[in-house]
Amino acid sequence: MPRTASAALFTYSVIAMATLHTRSAARLMIAPSVLLLFAWMIVPLVMTIYFSLLNYNLLSPGMESFVGFLNYEYFLTDPAFFAALINTLLLVAGVLLITVIGGIAFALLLDQPMYGQGIVRILVIAPFFVMPTVAALVWKNMFMNPVNGLFAHLAKALGLQPIDWLANAPLFSVILIVAWQWLPFATLIMLTALQSLDEEQKEASEMDGAGPISKFIYIILPHMARAITVVILIQTIFLLSVFAEILVTTNGGPGTDSTNLTYLVYAQALLQFDIGGASAGGIVAVVLANIVAIFLVRLVGKNLEA
């Protein structure tokens, strides 16, 4: 074998061994973090599954008994479960509708040259950094209060009767509060996608006689399709577990009019002290959330590959 070929083979072997050792060292160093994260996830899940199979009530300590899947049967046949499931879907759909449409509108507005554009963008994005509890308290006391709220004063100024939003339209009120928090996130994603659009493409469409509506439908909106998909995916994952806004404003009421799955599990665990039933509800909520997440991930994958 020529010396050049031998040297090349030797060099390749050294590089391969070095790469193998590097990968092994990387796996060894990352293993503790992976194991810790796995334990952090699997231990609570296993404990929840275990408790869901027990008749476990905090008011009867030491009286736990194995009941199998009876807790799941009670939870799934409870009328409050169907009401909470419908409210959860309506909450997610309502917030997505407002944030996607509003995000596109704000992105188009913020993309236009204006005086103080940087300050306006900061003000638009600011609500996203407000804690959910604080945002819910602000809306409850400053906007939706039927006596001293801003909406009540506006209704009186127009000669109308003020509305008790949290009592008469509880779910819609929660949707407004949550949408107000997530609208800046959607706006930021949409604005980033809009600014990545090639200006030459816009100019070419204008030269071809395309009006603002045609340009939006055939150029801007298809370009923002991926951004819209990402917004829907990320927001849906978080919106399935909305809790603080409901706890602070309506407490799931009146009745179950604003109760979602997360609040239903909380009420069963900490208001009714039924740990077994709440654990079963938590497992059901996790399964439903994973089904939605898998569907959305596949949808996003197809959209991003297109």
Protein backbone atom coordinates (compact mmCIF):
# COMPACT_ATOMS: atom_id res chain seq x y z
CA MET A 1 0.00 0.00 0.00
CA PRO A 2 1.40 3.42 -0.90
CA ARG A 3 2.53 5.64 1.95
CA THR A 4 0.01 8.33 1.03
CA ALA A 5 -2.89 5.86 1.30
CA SER A 6 -1.55 4.51 4.60
CA ALA A 7 -1.24 8.01 6.03
CA ALA A 8 -4.77 8.87 4.92
CA LEU A 9 -6.13 5.66 6.46
CA PHE A 10 -4.28 6.38 9.72
CA THR A 11 -5.57 9.96 9.81
CA TYR A 12 -9.13 8.77 9.17
CA SER A 13 -8.84 6.20 11.97
CA VAL A 14 -7.57 8.83 14.41
CA ILE A 15 -10.40 11.22 13.50
CA ALA A 16 -12.98 8.44 13.85
CA MET A 17 -11.64 7.43 17.27
CA ALA A 18 -11.55 11.06 18.41
CA THR A 19 -15.13 11.57 17.25
CA LEU A 20 -16.21 8.40 19.04
CA HIS A 21 -14.50 9.46 22.28
CA THR A 22 -16.02 12.95 21.98
CA ARG A 23 -19.51 11.55 21.58
CA SER A 24 -19.02 9.17 24.48
CA ALA A 25 -17.74 11.96 26.70
CA ALA A 26 -20.66 14.19 25.70
CA ARG A 27 -23.17 11.44 26.48
CA LEU A 28 -21.47 10.77 29.81
CA MET A 29 -21.58 14.43 30.81
CA ILE A 30 -25.19 14.95 29.80
CA ALA A 31 -26.40 11.68 31.36
CA PRO A 32 -26.90 13.08 34.93
CA SER A 33 -29.06 15.92 33.63
CA VAL A 34 -31.14 13.56 31.48
CA LEU A 35 -31.61 11.12 34.37
CA LEU A 36 -32.56 13.94 36.75
CA LEU A 37 -35.06 15.36 34.25
CA PHE A 38 -36.48 11.88 33.65
CA ALA A 39 -36.90 11.31 37.39
CA TRP A 40 -38.39 14.78 37.79
CA MET A 41 -41.07 13.86 35.24
CA ILE A 42 -41.64 10.17 35.87
CA VAL A 43 -41.89 10.17 39.68
CA PRO A 44 -44.86 12.60 39.89
CA LEU A 45 -46.55 10.80 37.00
CA VAL A 46 -46.20 7.39 38.65
CA MET A 47 -47.43 8.77 41.99
CA THR A 48 -50.43 10.39 40.28
CA ILE A 49 -51.32 7.12 38.54
CA TYR A 50 -50.99 5.30 41.87
CA PHE A 51 -53.23 7.76 43.71
CA SER A 52 -55.79 7.64 40.89
CA LEU A 53 -56.36 3.96 41.68
CA LEU A 54 -57.11 4.61 45.36
CA ASN A 55 -60.09 5.87 47.32
CA TYR A 56 -57.97 8.59 48.92
CA ASN A 57 -59.63 11.50 50.72
CA LEU A 58 -57.75 13.99 52.87
CA LEU A 59 -60.67 14.10 55.33
CA SER A 60 -60.23 10.37 56.01
CA PRO A 61 -56.50 9.84 56.65
CA GLY A 62 -55.38 6.24 56.86
CA MET A 63 -58.57 4.97 55.20
CA GLU A 64 -57.16 4.56 51.69
CA SER A 65 -58.36 1.58 49.70
CA PHE A 66 -57.73 0.26 46.20
CA VAL A 67 -60.67 0.92 43.84
CA GLY A 68 -59.05 0.35 40.45
CA PHE A 69 -60.49 2.45 37.64
CA LEU A 70 -63.55 3.54 39.60
CA ASN A 71 -62.20 7.08 39.98
CA TYR A 72 -61.82 7.35 36.20
CA GLU A 73 -65.41 6.15 35.72
CA TYR A 74 -66.75 8.71 38.19
CA PHE A 75 -64.70 11.52 36.68
CA LEU A 76 -65.60 10.76 33.06
CA THR A 77 -69.31 10.38 33.83
CA ASP A 78 -69.50 13.52 35.97
CA PRO A 79 -71.57 16.23 34.20
CA ALA A 80 -68.98 18.77 35.37
CA PHE A 81 -66.36 16.98 33.24
CA PHE A 82 -68.26 17.53 29.99
CA ALA A 83 -68.92 21.16 30.92
CA ALA A 84 -65.23 21.65 31.75
CA LEU A 85 -64.14 19.95 28.52
CA ILE A 86 -66.39 22.18 26.41
CA ASN A 87 -65.25 25.28 28.31
CA THR A 88 -61.61 24.30 27.76
CA LEU A 89 -62.13 23.94 24.01
CA LEU A 90 -64.08 27.21 23.82
CA LEU A 91 -61.38 28.99 25.82
CA VAL A 92 -58.60 27.73 23.56
CA ALA A 93 -60.54 28.47 20.35
CA GLY A 94 -61.64 31.93 21.52
CA VAL A 95 -58.18 33.04 22.59
CA LEU A 96 -56.59 31.69 19.40
CA LEU A 97 -59.15 33.48 17.26
CA ILE A 98 -58.55 36.82 18.98
CA THR A 99 -54.76 36.54 19.17
CA VAL A 100 -54.20 35.31 15.61
CA ILE A 101 -56.45 37.92 13.99
CA GLY A 102 -55.31 40.65 16.39
CA GLY A 103 -51.66 39.63 16.05
CA ILE A 104 -51.81 39.93 12.26
CA ALA A 105 -53.57 43.30 12.50
CA PHE A 106 -51.07 44.69 15.02
CA ALA A 107 -48.14 43.33 13.02
CA LEU A 108 -49.38 45.11 9.89
CA LEU A 109 -49.83 48.30 11.90
CA LEU A 110 -46.43 48.16 13.60
CA ASP A 111 -44.70 47.43 10.31
CA GLN A 112 -45.74 50.84 9.00
CA PRO A 113 -43.36 53.78 9.53
CA MET A 114 -44.62 55.98 12.35
CA TYR A 115 -43.35 58.44 14.92
CA GLY A 116 -42.17 56.72 18.11
CA GLN A 117 -42.33 53.27 16.52
CA GLY A 118 -39.97 51.72 19.10
CA ILE A 119 -42.01 52.99 22.05
CA VAL A 120 -45.25 51.77 20.47
CA ARG A 121 -43.80 48.30 19.97
CA ILE A 122 -42.67 48.14 23.60
CA LEU A 123 -46.13 49.19 24.81
CA VAL A 124 -47.80 46.56 22.63
CA ILE A 125 -45.51 43.78 23.86
CA ALA A 126 -45.60 44.86 27.54
CA PRO A 127 -48.75 42.88 28.60
CA PHE A 128 -46.96 39.61 27.86
CA PHE A 129 -44.61 40.27 30.82
CA VAL A 130 -47.46 40.86 33.31
CA MET A 131 -48.07 37.94 35.67
CA PRO A 132 -51.39 36.14 35.04
CA THR A 133 -52.62 36.80 38.57
CA VAL A 134 -51.85 40.52 38.33
CA ALA A 135 -53.49 40.77 34.90
CA ALA A 136 -56.62 39.02 36.17
CA LEU A 137 -56.83 41.35 39.18
CA VAL A 138 -56.42 44.43 36.99
CA TRP A 139 -59.17 43.34 34.62
CA LYS A 140 -61.46 42.27 37.47
CA ASN A 141 -61.20 45.49 39.47
CA MET A 142 -60.33 48.20 36.95
CA PHE A 143 -62.20 47.11 33.83
CA MET A 144 -64.98 44.63 34.63
CA ASN A 145 -66.18 45.88 37.99
CA PRO A 146 -69.93 46.55 37.50
CA VAL A 147 -69.83 49.68 39.70
CA ASN A 148 -66.44 51.37 39.38
CA GLY A 149 -64.94 49.59 36.37
CA LEU A 150 -63.98 51.33 33.14
CA PHE A 151 -66.54 49.35 31.13
CA ALA A 152 -69.27 50.38 33.60
CA HIS A 153 -68.37 54.07 33.22
CA LEU A 154 -68.36 53.75 29.43
CA ALA A 155 -71.79 52.10 29.50
CA LYS A 156 -73.17 54.86 31.72
CA ALA A 157 -71.69 57.52 29.42
CA LEU A 158 -73.53 55.91 26.50
CA GLY A 159 -76.76 55.71 28.46
CA LEU A 160 -76.60 51.92 28.84
CA GLN A 161 -76.94 49.66 31.85
CA PRO A 162 -73.54 48.42 33.13
CA ILE A 163 -72.92 44.70 32.76
CA ASP A 164 -71.51 42.44 35.46
CA TRP A 165 -69.12 40.73 33.09
CA LEU A 166 -67.83 38.08 35.47
CA ALA A 167 -71.35 37.03 36.46
CA ASN A 168 -73.21 37.30 33.15
CA ALA A 169 -70.42 36.35 30.72
CA PRO A 170 -67.78 34.57 32.84
CA LEU A 171 -66.16 32.45 30.14
CA PHE A 172 -66.04 35.31 27.65
CA SER A 173 -64.47 37.50 30.34
CA VAL A 174 -61.76 34.93 30.98
CA ILE A 175 -61.15 34.64 27.23
CA LEU A 176 -60.67 38.42 27.01
CA ILE A 177 -58.19 38.45 29.90
CA VAL A 178 -56.13 35.54 28.56
CA ALA A 179 -56.22 36.88 25.00
CA TRP A 180 -54.97 40.27 26.24
CA GLN A 181 -51.97 38.48 27.77
CA TRP A 182 -51.15 36.36 24.71
CA LEU A 183 -51.81 38.99 22.03
CA PRO A 184 -48.29 40.53 22.38
CA PHE A 185 -46.68 37.13 21.83
CA ALA A 186 -48.69 36.55 18.65
CA THR A 187 -47.95 40.10 17.50
CA LEU A 188 -44.21 39.64 17.99
CA ILE A 189 -44.14 36.37 16.02
CA MET A 190 -46.28 37.82 13.22
CA LEU A 191 -44.22 41.00 13.05
CA THR A 192 -41.00 38.99 12.77
CA ALA A 193 -42.47 36.94 9.92
CA LEU A 194 -43.80 40.05 8.20
CA GLN A 195 -40.43 41.79 8.32
CA SER A 196 -38.76 38.77 6.70
CA LEU A 197 -40.91 39.26 3.58
CA ASP A 198 -38.85 40.36 0.58
CA GLU A 199 -39.57 43.99 -0.28
CA GLU A 200 -38.93 43.28 -3.97
CA GLN A 201 -41.86 40.87 -3.94
CA LYS A 202 -44.11 43.60 -2.56
CA GLU A 203 -42.89 46.10 -5.13
CA ALA A 204 -43.38 43.61 -7.96
CA SER A 205 -46.98 42.98 -6.89
CA GLU A 206 -47.65 46.72 -6.74
CA MET A 207 -46.21 47.16 -10.22
CA ASP A 208 -48.55 44.42 -11.45
CA GLY A 209 -51.48 46.43 -10.11
CA ALA A 210 -52.22 44.42 -6.96
CA GLY A 211 -54.21 46.40 -4.39
CA PRO A 212 -53.73 46.23 -0.60
CA ILE A 213 -56.34 43.48 -0.17
CA SER A 214 -54.97 41.32 -3.00
CA LYS A 215 -51.43 41.80 -1.74
CA PHE A 216 -52.48 40.74 1.76
CA ILE A 217 -54.41 37.66 0.62
CA TYR A 218 -51.98 36.32 -1.99
CA ILE A 219 -48.57 37.45 -0.68
CA ILE A 220 -48.53 38.48 2.97
CA LEU A 221 -50.90 35.86 4.40
CA PRO A 222 -49.25 32.83 2.72
CA HIS A 223 -45.86 34.13 3.87
CA MET A 224 -47.13 34.29 7.46
CA ALA A 225 -48.64 30.79 7.39
CA ARG A 226 -45.73 29.21 9.26
CA ALA A 227 -45.76 31.93 11.90
CA ILE A 228 -49.50 31.45 12.39
CA THR A 229 -48.99 27.71 12.78
CA VAL A 230 -46.26 28.19 15.40
CA VAL A 231 -48.44 30.64 17.34
CA ILE A 232 -51.34 28.17 17.35
CA LEU A 233 -49.11 25.31 18.51
CA ILE A 234 -47.36 27.14 21.34
CA GLN A 235 -50.44 28.94 22.62
CA THR A 236 -52.61 25.82 22.56
CA ILE A 237 -50.16 23.93 24.77
CA PHE A 238 -50.30 26.69 27.38
CA LEU A 239 -53.99 27.53 27.02
CA LEU A 240 -55.01 23.97 27.87
CA SER A 241 -53.76 24.62 31.42
CA VAL A 242 -55.15 28.11 32.13
CA PHE A 243 -55.80 28.35 35.87
CA ALA A 244 -54.77 31.60 37.61
CA GLU A 245 -57.13 33.82 35.62
CA ILE A 246 -60.13 31.62 36.50
CA LEU A 247 -59.17 31.32 40.17
CA VAL A 248 -58.77 35.08 40.62
CA THR A 249 -61.85 36.20 38.68
CA THR A 250 -64.72 33.67 38.63
CA ASN A 251 -63.64 30.64 40.71
CA GLY A 252 -65.03 28.50 37.93
CA GLY A 253 -68.55 29.91 38.30
CA PRO A 254 -71.28 30.71 38.26
CA GLY A 255 -71.77 26.97 38.63
CA THR A 256 -69.41 25.45 36.08
CA ASP A 257 -69.85 28.16 33.44
CA SER A 258 -66.14 29.06 33.47
CA THR A 259 -64.65 25.83 34.80
CA ASN A 260 -62.01 24.20 32.62
CA LEU A 261 -60.29 20.86 33.14
CA THR A 262 -57.42 22.35 35.13
CA TYR A 263 -59.73 24.16 37.54
CA LEU A 264 -61.96 21.07 37.84
CA VAL A 265 -58.99 18.98 38.97
CA TYR A 266 -57.98 21.72 41.43
CA ALA A 267 -61.52 21.91 42.86
CA GLN A 268 -61.71 18.16 43.31
CA ALA A 269 -58.32 17.98 45.02
CA LEU A 270 -58.23 21.08 47.23
CA LEU A 271 -61.91 21.97 47.66
CA GLN A 272 -63.43 18.50 47.88
CA PHE A 273 -60.22 16.89 49.24
CA ASP A 274 -60.70 13.94 46.86
CA ILE A 275 -57.10 13.14 45.91
CA GLY A 276 -58.01 9.90 44.14
CA GLY A 277 -60.61 11.51 41.90
CA ALA A 278 -58.41 14.54 41.24
CA SER A 279 -55.48 12.29 40.28
CA ALA A 280 -57.70 10.43 37.84
CA GLY A 281 -58.83 13.77 36.42
CA GLY A 282 -55.22 14.88 36.09
CA ILE A 283 -54.32 11.76 34.13
CA VAL A 284 -57.33 12.27 31.84
CA ALA A 285 -56.31 15.91 31.28
CA VAL A 286 -52.74 14.88 30.47
CA VAL A 287 -53.94 12.27 27.97
CA LEU A 288 -56.25 14.74 26.24
CA ALA A 289 -53.52 17.40 26.16
CA ASN A 290 -51.07 14.94 24.60
CA ILE A 291 -53.60 13.95 21.94
CA VAL A 292 -54.05 17.60 21.01
CA ALA A 293 -50.28 18.18 21.10
CA ILE A 294 -49.54 15.21 18.83
CA PHE A 295 -52.16 16.38 16.35
CA LEU A 296 -50.75 19.92 16.35
CA VAL A 297 -47.14 18.74 16.03
CA ARG A 298 -48.05 16.71 12.96
CA LEU A 299 -49.92 19.68 11.55
CA VAL A 300 -46.95 21.95 12.16
CA GLY A 301 -44.58 19.43 10.63
CA LYS A 302 -46.61 19.24 7.42
CA ASN A 303 -46.88 23.03 7.26
CA LEU A 304 -43.16 23.59 7.81
CA GLU A 305 -42.23 20.98 5.20
CA ALA A 306 -44.52 22.58 2.64
